[in-house]
Amino acid sequence: MKKRVLCILLSMALVALCVTCLLACGEDDDSQKLPQLKTPEVTRDGDNAVWKKVENAVKYELDISGETLYVDCETTSYPLKRGQVLKVRAIGDDVNYSSSEWSGGVYTSVELPDDEI
């Protein structure tokens, strides 16, 4: 009888240990999160959206009024047409750095000649 009770208690302890291990596997470990790149600060210079180069970015993702475009890490401006809104984020290499948050949107309401639209 004592062996049976001991066996049941050990089995319950083993089940509890397994459940604890399985639950712990799903938790995020903050020590393994990659540093996030700095969010680009986008401003307007006439009809162009401009931003400073973000250190360690491998490229930039542009959201131009809902359409996505990727440009190389040396590109730091984009020409805007009337009514376009542009947001930018720096893309990391996902080994050393994660991608930045999106910048605030900039837009132009400048009236351009119809042949430039």
PDB file of N, CA and C in Angstrom:
ATOM      1  N   MET A   1       0.827  -1.197   0.000  1.00  0.00           N
ATOM      2  CA  MET A   1       0.000   0.000   0.000  1.00  0.00           C
ATOM      3  C   MET A   1       0.866   1.253   0.000  1.00  0.00           C
ATOM      4  N   LYS A   2       1.948   1.249   0.816  1.00  0.00           N
ATOM      5  CA  LYS A   2       2.828   2.409   0.873  1.00  0.00           C
ATOM      6  C   LYS A   2       3.518   2.633  -0.475  1.00  0.00           C
ATOM      7  N   LYS A   3       3.877   1.528  -1.164  1.00  0.00           N
ATOM      8  CA  LYS A   3       4.523   1.653  -2.474  1.00  0.00           C
ATOM      9  C   LYS A   3       3.552   2.272  -3.486  1.00  0.00           C
ATOM     10  N   ARG A   4       2.293   1.887  -3.401  1.00  0.00           N
ATOM     11  CA  ARG A   4       1.287   2.398  -4.330  1.00  0.00           C
ATOM     12  C   ARG A   4       1.083   3.897  -4.121  1.00  0.00           C
ATOM     13  N   VAL A   5       0.975   4.336  -2.870  1.00  0.00           N
ATOM     14  CA  VAL A   5       0.808   5.763  -2.565  1.00  0.00           C
ATOM     15  C   VAL A   5       2.043   6.539  -3.014  1.00  0.00           C
ATOM     16  N   LEU A   6       3.231   5.982  -2.739  1.00  0.00           N
ATOM     17  CA  LEU A   6       4.470   6.634  -3.147  1.00  0.00           C
ATOM     18  C   LEU A   6       4.542   6.736  -4.676  1.00  0.00           C
ATOM     19  N   CYS A   7       4.132   5.703  -5.370  1.00  0.00           N
ATOM     20  CA  CYS A   7       4.132   5.704  -6.835  1.00  0.00           C
ATOM     21  C   CYS A   7       3.160   6.753  -7.385  1.00  0.00           C
ATOM     22  N   ILE A   8       1.999   6.860  -6.776  1.00  0.00           N
ATOM     23  CA  ILE A   8       1.019   7.857  -7.212  1.00  0.00           C
ATOM     24  C   ILE A   8       1.547   9.265  -6.971  1.00  0.00           C
ATOM     25  N   LEU A   9       2.150   9.507  -5.813  1.00  0.00           N
ATOM     26  CA  LEU A   9       2.704  10.839  -5.505  1.00  0.00           C
ATOM     27  C   LEU A   9       3.843  11.201  -6.452  1.00  0.00           C
ATOM     28  N   LEU A  10       4.715  10.241  -6.724  1.00  0.00           N
ATOM     29  CA  LEU A  10       5.804  10.508  -7.669  1.00  0.00           C
ATOM     30  C   LEU A  10       5.270  10.777  -9.073  1.00  0.00           C
ATOM     31  N   SER A  11       4.238  10.044  -9.477  1.00  0.00           N
ATOM     32  CA  SER A  11       3.629  10.267 -10.798  1.00  0.00           C
ATOM     33  C   SER A  11       3.016  11.658 -10.889  1.00  0.00           C
ATOM     34  N   MET A  12       2.337  12.079  -9.819  1.00  0.00           N
ATOM     35  CA  MET A  12       1.736  13.412  -9.808  1.00  0.00           C
ATOM     36  C   MET A  12       2.816  14.495  -9.850  1.00  0.00           C
ATOM     37  N   ALA A  13       3.904  14.277  -9.144  1.00  0.00           N
ATOM     38  CA  ALA A  13       5.008  15.238  -9.149  1.00  0.00           C
ATOM     39  C   ALA A  13       5.632  15.333 -10.537  1.00  0.00           C
ATOM     40  N   LEU A  14       5.786  14.193 -11.194  1.00  0.00           N
ATOM     41  CA  LEU A  14       6.344  14.169 -12.542  1.00  0.00           C
ATOM     42  C   LEU A  14       5.430  14.884 -13.527  1.00  0.00           C
ATOM     43  N   VAL A  15       4.127  14.661 -13.430  1.00  0.00           N
ATOM     44  CA  VAL A  15       3.168  15.349 -14.297  1.00  0.00           C
ATOM     45  C   VAL A  15       3.226  16.856 -14.055  1.00  0.00           C
ATOM     46  N   ALA A  16       3.282  17.285 -12.800  1.00  0.00           N
ATOM     47  CA  ALA A  16       3.358  18.710 -12.484  1.00  0.00           C
ATOM     48  C   ALA A  16       4.635  19.328 -13.045  1.00  0.00           C
ATOM     49  N   LEU A  17       5.748  18.605 -12.960  1.00  0.00           N
ATOM     50  CA  LEU A  17       7.016  19.096 -13.497  1.00  0.00           C
ATOM     51  C   LEU A  17       6.937  19.233 -15.017  1.00  0.00           C
ATOM     52  N   CYS A  18       6.352  18.257 -15.695  1.00  0.00           N
ATOM     53  CA  CYS A  18       6.211  18.319 -17.154  1.00  0.00           C
ATOM     54  C   CYS A  18       5.324  19.486 -17.584  1.00  0.00           C
ATOM     55  N   VAL A  19       4.215  19.686 -16.880  1.00  0.00           N
ATOM     56  CA  VAL A  19       3.315  20.798 -17.209  1.00  0.00           C
ATOM     57  C   VAL A  19       4.028  22.124 -17.017  1.00  0.00           C
ATOM     58  N   THR A  20       4.778  22.266 -15.943  1.00  0.00           N
ATOM     59  CA  THR A  20       5.529  23.499 -15.680  1.00  0.00           C
ATOM     60  C   THR A  20       6.543  23.759 -16.785  1.00  0.00           C
ATOM     61  N   CYS A  21       7.248  22.724 -17.211  1.00  0.00           N
ATOM     62  CA  CYS A  21       8.236  22.880 -18.286  1.00  0.00           C
ATOM     63  C   CYS A  21       7.572  23.294 -19.597  1.00  0.00           C
ATOM     64  N   LEU A  22       6.447  22.665 -19.919  1.00  0.00           N
ATOM     65  CA  LEU A  22       5.743  23.008 -21.157  1.00  0.00           C
ATOM     66  C   LEU A  22       5.239  24.448 -21.132  1.00  0.00           C
ATOM     67  N   LEU A  23       4.726  24.901 -20.013  1.00  0.00           N
ATOM     68  CA  LEU A  23       4.243  26.280 -19.914  1.00  0.00           C
ATOM     69  C   LEU A  23       5.392  27.269 -20.011  1.00  0.00           C
ATOM     70  N   ALA A  24       6.523  26.941 -19.432  1.00  0.00           N
ATOM     71  CA  ALA A  24       7.678  27.837 -19.459  1.00  0.00           C
ATOM     72  C   ALA A  24       8.253  27.972 -20.858  1.00  0.00           C
ATOM     73  N   CYS A  25       8.104  26.943 -21.694  1.00  0.00           N
ATOM     74  CA  CYS A  25       8.642  26.991 -23.054  1.00  0.00           C
ATOM     75  C   CYS A  25       7.953  28.056 -23.897  1.00  0.00           C
ATOM     76  N   GLY A  26       6.708  28.383 -23.607  1.00  0.00           N
ATOM     77  CA  GLY A  26       5.961  29.351 -24.396  1.00  0.00           C
ATOM     78  C   GLY A  26       6.193  30.787 -23.990  1.00  0.00           C
ATOM     79  N   GLU A  27       6.898  31.032 -22.901  1.00  0.00           N
ATOM     80  CA  GLU A  27       7.118  32.400 -22.432  1.00  0.00           C
ATOM     81  C   GLU A  27       8.234  33.062 -23.215  1.00  0.00           C
ATOM     82  N   ASP A  28       8.100  34.389 -23.425  1.00  0.00           N
ATOM     83  CA  ASP A  28       9.157  35.155 -24.073  1.00  0.00           C
ATOM     84  C   ASP A  28      10.297  35.359 -23.099  1.00  0.00           C
ATOM     85  N   ASP A  29      11.497  35.220 -23.597  1.00  0.00           N
ATOM     86  CA  ASP A  29      12.670  35.463 -22.788  1.00  0.00           C
ATOM     87  C   ASP A  29      13.238  36.814 -23.201  1.00  0.00           C
ATOM     88  N   ASP A  30      13.090  37.833 -22.362  1.00  0.00           N
ATOM     89  CA  ASP A  30      13.544  39.182 -22.688  1.00  0.00           C
ATOM     90  C   ASP A  30      15.034  39.234 -22.985  1.00  0.00           C
ATOM     91  N   SER A  31      15.804  38.313 -22.432  1.00  0.00           N
ATOM     92  CA  SER A  31      17.246  38.344 -22.644  1.00  0.00           C
ATOM     93  C   SER A  31      17.600  37.976 -24.078  1.00  0.00           C
ATOM     94  N   GLN A  32      16.670  37.373 -24.829  1.00  0.00           N
ATOM     95  CA  GLN A  32      16.964  36.989 -26.200  1.00  0.00           C
ATOM     96  C   GLN A  32      16.354  37.932 -27.233  1.00  0.00           C
ATOM     97  N   LYS A  33      15.692  38.999 -26.803  1.00  0.00           N
ATOM     98  CA  LYS A  33      15.141  39.966 -27.755  1.00  0.00           C
ATOM     99  C   LYS A  33      16.276  40.789 -28.344  1.00  0.00           C
ATOM    100  N   LEU A  34      16.167  41.055 -29.634  1.00  0.00           N
ATOM    101  CA  LEU A  34      17.179  41.858 -30.316  1.00  0.00           C
ATOM    102  C   LEU A  34      16.943  43.333 -30.052  1.00  0.00           C
ATOM    103  N   PRO A  35      18.010  44.124 -30.018  1.00  0.00           N
ATOM    104  CA  PRO A  35      17.811  45.575 -29.904  1.00  0.00           C
ATOM    105  C   PRO A  35      17.077  46.084 -31.141  1.00  0.00           C
ATOM    106  N   GLN A  36      16.156  47.007 -30.926  1.00  0.00           N
ATOM    107  CA  GLN A  36      15.369  47.559 -32.020  1.00  0.00           C
ATOM    108  C   GLN A  36      16.063  48.785 -32.597  1.00  0.00           C
ATOM    109  N   LEU A  37      16.038  48.897 -33.921  1.00  0.00           N
ATOM    110  CA  LEU A  37      16.619  50.063 -34.583  1.00  0.00           C
ATOM    111  C   LEU A  37      15.830  51.319 -34.223  1.00  0.00           C
ATOM    112  N   LYS A  38      16.498  52.445 -34.314  1.00  0.00           N
ATOM    113  CA  LYS A  38      15.859  53.735 -34.053  1.00  0.00           C
ATOM    114  C   LYS A  38      14.827  54.029 -35.142  1.00  0.00           C
ATOM    115  N   THR A  39      13.700  54.591 -34.740  1.00  0.00           N
ATOM    116  CA  THR A  39      12.649  54.957 -35.688  1.00  0.00           C
ATOM    117  C   THR A  39      13.099  56.182 -36.493  1.00  0.00           C
ATOM    118  N   PRO A  40      13.016  56.124 -37.825  1.00  0.00           N
ATOM    119  CA  PRO A  40      13.403  57.280 -38.632  1.00  0.00           C
ATOM    120  C   PRO A  40      12.493  58.483 -38.345  1.00  0.00           C
ATOM    121  N   GLU A  41      13.078  59.655 -38.307  1.00  0.00           N
ATOM    122  CA  GLU A  41      12.312  60.892 -38.171  1.00  0.00           C
ATOM    123  C   GLU A  41      12.180  61.489 -39.564  1.00  0.00           C
ATOM    124  N   VAL A  42      10.963  61.461 -40.087  1.00  0.00           N
ATOM    125  CA  VAL A  42      10.721  61.887 -41.463  1.00  0.00           C
ATOM    126  C   VAL A  42      10.157  63.306 -41.461  1.00  0.00           C
ATOM    127  N   THR A  43      10.727  64.150 -42.300  1.00  0.00           N
ATOM    128  CA  THR A  43      10.246  65.524 -42.469  1.00  0.00           C
ATOM    129  C   THR A  43      10.076  65.783 -43.958  1.00  0.00           C
ATOM    130  N   ARG A  44       9.515  66.941 -44.256  1.00  0.00           N
ATOM    131  CA  ARG A  44       9.357  67.353 -45.657  1.00  0.00           C
ATOM    132  C   ARG A  44      10.368  68.419 -46.007  1.00  0.00           C
ATOM    133  N   ASP A  45      10.898  68.309 -47.210  1.00  0.00           N
ATOM    134  CA  ASP A  45      11.753  69.340 -47.783  1.00  0.00           C
ATOM    135  C   ASP A  45      11.182  69.611 -49.167  1.00  0.00           C
ATOM    136  N   GLY A  46      10.300  70.591 -49.242  1.00  0.00           N
ATOM    137  CA  GLY A  46       9.597  70.846 -50.499  1.00  0.00           C
ATOM    138  C   GLY A  46       8.667  69.689 -50.795  1.00  0.00           C
ATOM    139  N   ASP A  47       8.852  69.063 -51.952  1.00  0.00           N
ATOM    140  CA  ASP A  47       8.017  67.930 -52.357  1.00  0.00           C
ATOM    141  C   ASP A  47       8.637  66.585 -51.986  1.00  0.00           C
ATOM    142  N   ASN A  48       9.707  66.598 -51.201  1.00  0.00           N
ATOM    143  CA  ASN A  48      10.390  65.364 -50.824  1.00  0.00           C
ATOM    144  C   ASN A  48      10.215  65.057 -49.345  1.00  0.00           C
ATOM    145  N   ALA A  49      10.007  63.789 -49.038  1.00  0.00           N
ATOM    146  CA  ALA A  49      10.094  63.315 -47.654  1.00  0.00           C
ATOM    147  C   ALA A  49      11.546  62.932 -47.439  1.00  0.00           C
ATOM    148  N   VAL A  50      12.124  63.366 -46.335  1.00  0.00           N
ATOM    149  CA  VAL A  50      13.537  63.085 -46.055  1.00  0.00           C
ATOM    150  C   VAL A  50      13.687  62.557 -44.631  1.00  0.00           C
ATOM    151  N   TRP A  51      14.715  61.746 -44.433  1.00  0.00           N
ATOM    152  CA  TRP A  51      15.030  61.224 -43.104  1.00  0.00           C
ATOM    153  C   TRP A  51      16.527  61.008 -43.014  1.00  0.00           C
ATOM    154  N   LYS A  52      17.036  60.978 -41.790  1.00  0.00           N
ATOM    155  CA  LYS A  52      18.458  60.710 -41.569  1.00  0.00           C
ATOM    156  C   LYS A  52      18.682  59.211 -41.598  1.00  0.00           C
ATOM    157  N   LYS A  53      19.867  58.827 -42.069  1.00  0.00           N
ATOM    158  CA  LYS A  53      20.232  57.418 -42.124  1.00  0.00           C
ATOM    159  C   LYS A  53      20.194  56.829 -40.715  1.00  0.00           C
ATOM    160  N   VAL A  54      19.592  55.647 -40.579  1.00  0.00           N
ATOM    161  CA  VAL A  54      19.534  54.943 -39.299  1.00  0.00           C
ATOM    162  C   VAL A  54      20.686  53.940 -39.265  1.00  0.00           C
ATOM    163  N   GLU A  55      21.521  54.085 -38.254  1.00  0.00           N
ATOM    164  CA  GLU A  55      22.678  53.211 -38.114  1.00  0.00           C
ATOM    165  C   GLU A  55      22.231  51.752 -37.998  1.00  0.00           C
ATOM    166  N   ASN A  56      22.912  50.866 -38.711  1.00  0.00           N
ATOM    167  CA  ASN A  56      22.696  49.415 -38.728  1.00  0.00           C
ATOM    168  C   ASN A  56      21.455  48.961 -39.495  1.00  0.00           C
ATOM    169  N   ALA A  57      20.764  49.862 -40.163  1.00  0.00           N
ATOM    170  CA  ALA A  57      19.633  49.459 -41.010  1.00  0.00           C
ATOM    171  C   ALA A  57      20.179  48.788 -42.270  1.00  0.00           C
ATOM    172  N   VAL A  58      19.508  47.737 -42.725  1.00  0.00           N
ATOM    173  CA  VAL A  58      19.923  47.077 -43.963  1.00  0.00           C
ATOM    174  C   VAL A  58      19.134  47.591 -45.161  1.00  0.00           C
ATOM    175  N   LYS A  59      17.952  48.171 -44.898  1.00  0.00           N
ATOM    176  CA  LYS A  59      17.134  48.818 -45.919  1.00  0.00           C
ATOM    177  C   LYS A  59      16.008  49.546 -45.203  1.00  0.00           C
ATOM    178  N   TYR A  60      15.178  50.242 -45.964  1.00  0.00           N
ATOM    179  CA  TYR A  60      14.022  50.948 -45.417  1.00  0.00           C
ATOM    180  C   TYR A  60      12.762  50.419 -46.085  1.00  0.00           C
ATOM    181  N   GLU A  61      11.712  50.335 -45.297  1.00  0.00           N
ATOM    182  CA  GLU A  61      10.399  49.985 -45.828  1.00  0.00           C
ATOM    183  C   GLU A  61       9.574  51.261 -45.845  1.00  0.00           C
ATOM    184  N   LEU A  62       9.035  51.599 -47.004  1.00  0.00           N
ATOM    185  CA  LEU A  62       8.220  52.801 -47.146  1.00  0.00           C
ATOM    186  C   LEU A  62       6.765  52.386 -47.307  1.00  0.00           C
ATOM    187  N   ASP A  63       5.891  53.082 -46.634  1.00  0.00           N
ATOM    188  CA  ASP A  63       4.453  52.924 -46.828  1.00  0.00           C
ATOM    189  C   ASP A  63       3.997  54.220 -47.476  1.00  0.00           C
ATOM    190  N   ILE A  64       3.638  54.136 -48.742  1.00  0.00           N
ATOM    191  CA  ILE A  64       3.240  55.309 -49.508  1.00  0.00           C
ATOM    192  C   ILE A  64       1.745  55.195 -49.765  1.00  0.00           C
ATOM    193  N   SER A  65       0.977  55.862 -48.917  1.00  0.00           N
ATOM    194  CA  SER A  65      -0.488  55.817 -49.011  1.00  0.00           C
ATOM    195  C   SER A  65      -0.997  54.380 -49.112  1.00  0.00           C
ATOM    196  N   GLY A  66      -0.441  53.479 -48.295  1.00  0.00           N
ATOM    197  CA  GLY A  66      -0.898  52.100 -48.242  1.00  0.00           C
ATOM    198  C   GLY A  66      -0.157  51.131 -49.145  1.00  0.00           C
ATOM    199  N   GLU A  67       0.724  51.623 -50.007  1.00  0.00           N
ATOM    200  CA  GLU A  67       1.515  50.745 -50.863  1.00  0.00           C
ATOM    201  C   GLU A  67       2.917  50.625 -50.289  1.00  0.00           C
ATOM    202  N   THR A  68       3.491  49.426 -50.367  1.00  0.00           N
ATOM    203  CA  THR A  68       4.799  49.157 -49.780  1.00  0.00           C
ATOM    204  C   THR A  68       5.891  49.208 -50.831  1.00  0.00           C
ATOM    205  N   LEU A  69       7.014  49.816 -50.446  1.00  0.00           N
ATOM    206  CA  LEU A  69       8.191  49.893 -51.301  1.00  0.00           C
ATOM    207  C   LEU A  69       9.407  49.732 -50.397  1.00  0.00           C
ATOM    208  N   TYR A  70      10.405  48.995 -50.860  1.00  0.00           N
ATOM    209  CA  TYR A  70      11.658  48.846 -50.122  1.00  0.00           C
ATOM    210  C   TYR A  70      12.752  49.587 -50.877  1.00  0.00           C
ATOM    211  N   VAL A  71      13.592  50.312 -50.130  1.00  0.00           N
ATOM    212  CA  VAL A  71      14.723  51.017 -50.736  1.00  0.00           C
ATOM    213  C   VAL A  71      15.979  50.671 -49.942  1.00  0.00           C
ATOM    214  N   ASP A  72      17.145  50.820 -50.588  1.00  0.00           N
ATOM    215  CA  ASP A  72      18.396  50.462 -49.920  1.00  0.00           C
ATOM    216  C   ASP A  72      18.706  51.403 -48.757  1.00  0.00           C
ATOM    217  N   CYS A  73      19.666  51.012 -47.951  1.00  0.00           N
ATOM    218  CA  CYS A  73      19.958  51.768 -46.730  1.00  0.00           C
ATOM    219  C   CYS A  73      20.656  53.093 -46.999  1.00  0.00           C
ATOM    220  N   GLU A  74      21.071  53.343 -48.227  1.00  0.00           N
ATOM    221  CA  GLU A  74      21.687  54.629 -48.557  1.00  0.00           C
ATOM    222  C   GLU A  74      20.636  55.663 -48.969  1.00  0.00           C
ATOM    223  N   THR A  75      19.431  55.227 -49.315  1.00  0.00           N
ATOM    224  CA  THR A  75      18.364  56.126 -49.714  1.00  0.00           C
ATOM    225  C   THR A  75      17.761  56.778 -48.480  1.00  0.00           C
ATOM    226  N   THR A  76      17.686  58.107 -48.487  1.00  0.00           N
ATOM    227  CA  THR A  76      17.135  58.824 -47.332  1.00  0.00           C
ATOM    228  C   THR A  76      16.145  59.908 -47.755  1.00  0.00           C
ATOM    229  N   SER A  77      15.542  59.743 -48.928  1.00  0.00           N
ATOM    230  CA  SER A  77      14.503  60.678 -49.356  1.00  0.00           C
ATOM    231  C   SER A  77      13.601  59.988 -50.374  1.00  0.00           C
ATOM    232  N   TYR A  78      12.411  60.555 -50.515  1.00  0.00           N
ATOM    233  CA  TYR A  78      11.463  60.024 -51.484  1.00  0.00           C
ATOM    234  C   TYR A  78      10.596  61.176 -51.971  1.00  0.00           C
ATOM    235  N   PRO A  79      10.429  61.322 -53.299  1.00  0.00           N
ATOM    236  CA  PRO A  79       9.599  62.401 -53.827  1.00  0.00           C
ATOM    237  C   PRO A  79       8.112  62.094 -53.615  1.00  0.00           C
ATOM    238  N   LEU A  80       7.403  63.058 -53.098  1.00  0.00           N
ATOM    239  CA  LEU A  80       5.966  62.892 -52.860  1.00  0.00           C
ATOM    240  C   LEU A  80       5.162  63.589 -53.935  1.00  0.00           C
ATOM    241  N   LYS A  81       4.065  62.974 -54.309  1.00  0.00           N
ATOM    242  CA  LYS A  81       3.113  63.604 -55.198  1.00  0.00           C
ATOM    243  C   LYS A  81       1.950  64.103 -54.364  1.00  0.00           C
ATOM    244  N   ARG A  82       1.166  64.973 -54.924  1.00  0.00           N
ATOM    245  CA  ARG A  82       0.040  65.573 -54.211  1.00  0.00           C
ATOM    246  C   ARG A  82      -0.842  64.505 -53.569  1.00  0.00           C
ATOM    247  N   GLY A  83      -1.115  64.672 -52.284  1.00  0.00           N
ATOM    248  CA  GLY A  83      -2.017  63.788 -51.566  1.00  0.00           C
ATOM    249  C   GLY A  83      -1.390  62.521 -51.019  1.00  0.00           C
ATOM    250  N   GLN A  84      -0.133  62.246 -51.332  1.00  0.00           N
ATOM    251  CA  GLN A  84       0.497  61.040 -50.813  1.00  0.00           C
ATOM    252  C   GLN A  84       0.913  61.226 -49.354  1.00  0.00           C
ATOM    253  N   VAL A  85       0.800  60.151 -48.596  1.00  0.00           N
ATOM    254  CA  VAL A  85       1.276  60.116 -47.218  1.00  0.00           C
ATOM    255  C   VAL A  85       2.370  59.060 -47.161  1.00  0.00           C
ATOM    256  N   LEU A  86       3.498  59.411 -46.560  1.00  0.00           N
ATOM    257  CA  LEU A  86       4.622  58.488 -46.502  1.00  0.00           C
ATOM    258  C   LEU A  86       5.024  58.233 -45.059  1.00  0.00           C
ATOM    259  N   LYS A  87       5.209  56.950 -44.724  1.00  0.00           N
ATOM    260  CA  LYS A  87       5.770  56.526 -43.444  1.00  0.00           C
ATOM    261  C   LYS A  87       6.965  55.637 -43.756  1.00  0.00           C
ATOM    262  N   VAL A  88       7.952  55.646 -42.851  1.00  0.00           N
ATOM    263  CA  VAL A  88       9.192  54.893 -43.077  1.00  0.00           C
ATOM    264  C   VAL A  88       9.532  54.098 -41.823  1.00  0.00           C
ATOM    265  N   ARG A  89      10.102  52.905 -42.028  1.00  0.00           N
ATOM    266  CA  ARG A  89      10.709  52.189 -40.904  1.00  0.00           C
ATOM    267  C   ARG A  89      12.015  51.575 -41.373  1.00  0.00           C
ATOM    268  N   ALA A  90      12.966  51.534 -40.457  1.00  0.00           N
ATOM    269  CA  ALA A  90      14.272  50.947 -40.735  1.00  0.00           C
ATOM    270  C   ALA A  90      14.180  49.437 -40.532  1.00  0.00           C
ATOM    271  N   ILE A  91      14.723  48.671 -41.478  1.00  0.00           N
ATOM    272  CA  ILE A  91      14.684  47.220 -41.414  1.00  0.00           C
ATOM    273  C   ILE A  91      16.015  46.701 -40.876  1.00  0.00           C
ATOM    274  N   GLY A  92      15.921  45.877 -39.829  1.00  0.00           N
ATOM    275  CA  GLY A  92      17.110  45.274 -39.240  1.00  0.00           C
ATOM    276  C   GLY A  92      17.456  43.962 -39.918  1.00  0.00           C
ATOM    277  N   ASP A  93      18.602  43.408 -39.542  1.00  0.00           N
ATOM    278  CA  ASP A  93      19.051  42.145 -40.130  1.00  0.00           C
ATOM    279  C   ASP A  93      18.459  40.915 -39.440  1.00  0.00           C
ATOM    280  N   ASP A  94      17.681  41.101 -38.374  1.00  0.00           N
ATOM    281  CA  ASP A  94      17.059  40.025 -37.595  1.00  0.00           C
ATOM    282  C   ASP A  94      18.077  39.062 -36.989  1.00  0.00           C
ATOM    283  N   VAL A  95      19.350  39.438 -37.002  1.00  0.00           N
ATOM    284  CA  VAL A  95      20.389  38.676 -36.314  1.00  0.00           C
ATOM    285  C   VAL A  95      20.917  39.512 -35.153  1.00  0.00           C
ATOM    286  N   ASN A  96      21.227  40.775 -35.458  1.00  0.00           N
ATOM    287  CA  ASN A  96      21.739  41.690 -34.447  1.00  0.00           C
ATOM    288  C   ASN A  96      20.734  42.765 -34.045  1.00  0.00           C
ATOM    289  N   TYR A  97      19.844  43.129 -34.986  1.00  0.00           N
ATOM    290  CA  TYR A  97      18.871  44.197 -34.748  1.00  0.00           C
ATOM    291  C   TYR A  97      17.521  43.832 -35.344  1.00  0.00           C
ATOM    292  N   SER A  98      16.465  44.245 -34.647  1.00  0.00           N
ATOM    293  CA  SER A  98      15.116  44.086 -35.194  1.00  0.00           C
ATOM    294  C   SER A  98      14.694  45.402 -35.845  1.00  0.00           C
ATOM    295  N   SER A  99      13.664  45.348 -36.656  1.00  0.00           N
ATOM    296  CA  SER A  99      13.193  46.531 -37.377  1.00  0.00           C
ATOM    297  C   SER A  99      12.601  47.560 -36.421  1.00  0.00           C
ATOM    298  N   SER A 100      12.655  48.812 -36.849  1.00  0.00           N
ATOM    299  CA  SER A 100      12.147  49.920 -36.033  1.00  0.00           C
ATOM    300  C   SER A 100      10.628  49.996 -36.098  1.00  0.00           C
ATOM    301  N   GLU A 101      10.078  50.864 -35.294  1.00  0.00           N
ATOM    302  CA  GLU A 101       8.663  51.214 -35.392  1.00  0.00           C
ATOM    303  C   GLU A 101       8.497  52.102 -36.627  1.00  0.00           C
ATOM    304  N   TRP A 102       7.254  52.307 -37.064  1.00  0.00           N
ATOM    305  CA  TRP A 102       6.979  53.206 -38.190  1.00  0.00           C
ATOM    306  C   TRP A 102       7.134  54.655 -37.748  1.00  0.00           C
ATOM    307  N   SER A 103       7.615  55.465 -38.649  1.00  0.00           N
ATOM    308  CA  SER A 103       7.691  56.906 -38.395  1.00  0.00           C
ATOM    309  C   SER A 103       6.285  57.497 -38.462  1.00  0.00           C
ATOM    310  N   GLY A 104       6.179  58.725 -38.055  1.00  0.00           N
ATOM    311  CA  GLY A 104       4.938  59.457 -38.289  1.00  0.00           C
ATOM    312  C   GLY A 104       4.808  59.711 -39.779  1.00  0.00           C
ATOM    313  N   GLY A 105       3.619  59.918 -40.243  1.00  0.00           N
ATOM    314  CA  GLY A 105       3.395  60.139 -41.668  1.00  0.00           C
ATOM    315  C   GLY A 105       3.632  61.590 -42.063  1.00  0.00           C
ATOM    316  N   VAL A 106       4.198  61.794 -43.217  1.00  0.00           N
ATOM    317  CA  VAL A 106       4.318  63.131 -43.796  1.00  0.00           C
ATOM    318  C   VAL A 106       3.556  63.103 -45.116  1.00  0.00           C
ATOM    319  N   TYR A 107       3.031  64.244 -45.492  1.00  0.00           N
ATOM    320  CA  TYR A 107       2.261  64.311 -46.731  1.00  0.00           C
ATOM    321  C   TYR A 107       2.506  65.650 -47.391  1.00  0.00           C
ATOM    322  N   THR A 108       2.088  65.738 -48.641  1.00  0.00           N
ATOM    323  CA  THR A 108       2.163  67.008 -49.350  1.00  0.00           C
ATOM    324  C   THR A 108       0.795  67.337 -49.912  1.00  0.00           C
ATOM    325  N   SER A 109       0.451  68.570 -49.776  1.00  0.00           N
ATOM    326  CA  SER A 109      -0.787  69.047 -50.399  1.00  0.00           C
ATOM    327  C   SER A 109      -0.415  70.107 -51.427  1.00  0.00           C
ATOM    328  N   VAL A 110       0.869  70.157 -51.763  1.00  0.00           N
ATOM    329  CA  VAL A 110       1.354  71.135 -52.725  1.00  0.00           C
ATOM    330  C   VAL A 110       0.717  70.865 -54.078  1.00  0.00           C
ATOM    331  N   GLU A 111       0.206  71.906 -54.697  1.00  0.00           N
ATOM    332  CA  GLU A 111      -0.378  71.772 -56.024  1.00  0.00           C
ATOM    333  C   GLU A 111       0.741  71.606 -57.051  1.00  0.00           C
ATOM    334  N   LEU A 112       0.765  70.464 -57.700  1.00  0.00           N
ATOM    335  CA  LEU A 112       1.765  70.199 -58.735  1.00  0.00           C
ATOM    336  C   LEU A 112       1.101  70.282 -60.099  1.00  0.00           C
ATOM    337  N   PRO A 113       1.842  70.663 -61.115  1.00  0.00           N
ATOM    338  CA  PRO A 113       1.274  70.655 -62.462  1.00  0.00           C
ATOM    339  C   PRO A 113       0.790  69.255 -62.817  1.00  0.00           C
ATOM    340  N   ASP A 114      -0.293  69.158 -63.593  1.00  0.00           N
ATOM    341  CA  ASP A 114      -0.882  67.877 -63.928  1.00  0.00           C
ATOM    342  C   ASP A 114       0.102  66.905 -64.594  1.00  0.00           C
ATOM    343  N   ASP A 115       1.083  67.408 -65.332  1.00  0.00           N
ATOM    344  CA  ASP A 115       2.021  66.501 -65.997  1.00  0.00           C
ATOM    345  C   ASP A 115       3.008  65.889 -65.010  1.00  0.00           C
ATOM    346  N   GLU A 116       3.052  66.351 -63.736  1.00  0.00           N
ATOM    347  CA  GLU A 116       3.927  65.770 -62.731  1.00  0.00           C
ATOM    348  C   GLU A 116       3.173  64.805 -61.824  1.00  0.00           C
ATOM    349  N   ILE A 117       1.891  64.668 -62.001  1.00  0.00           N
ATOM    350  CA  ILE A 117       1.102  63.782 -61.123  1.00  0.00           C
ATOM    351  C   ILE A 117       1.081  62.384 -61.663  1.00  0.00           C
TER     352      ILE A 117
END
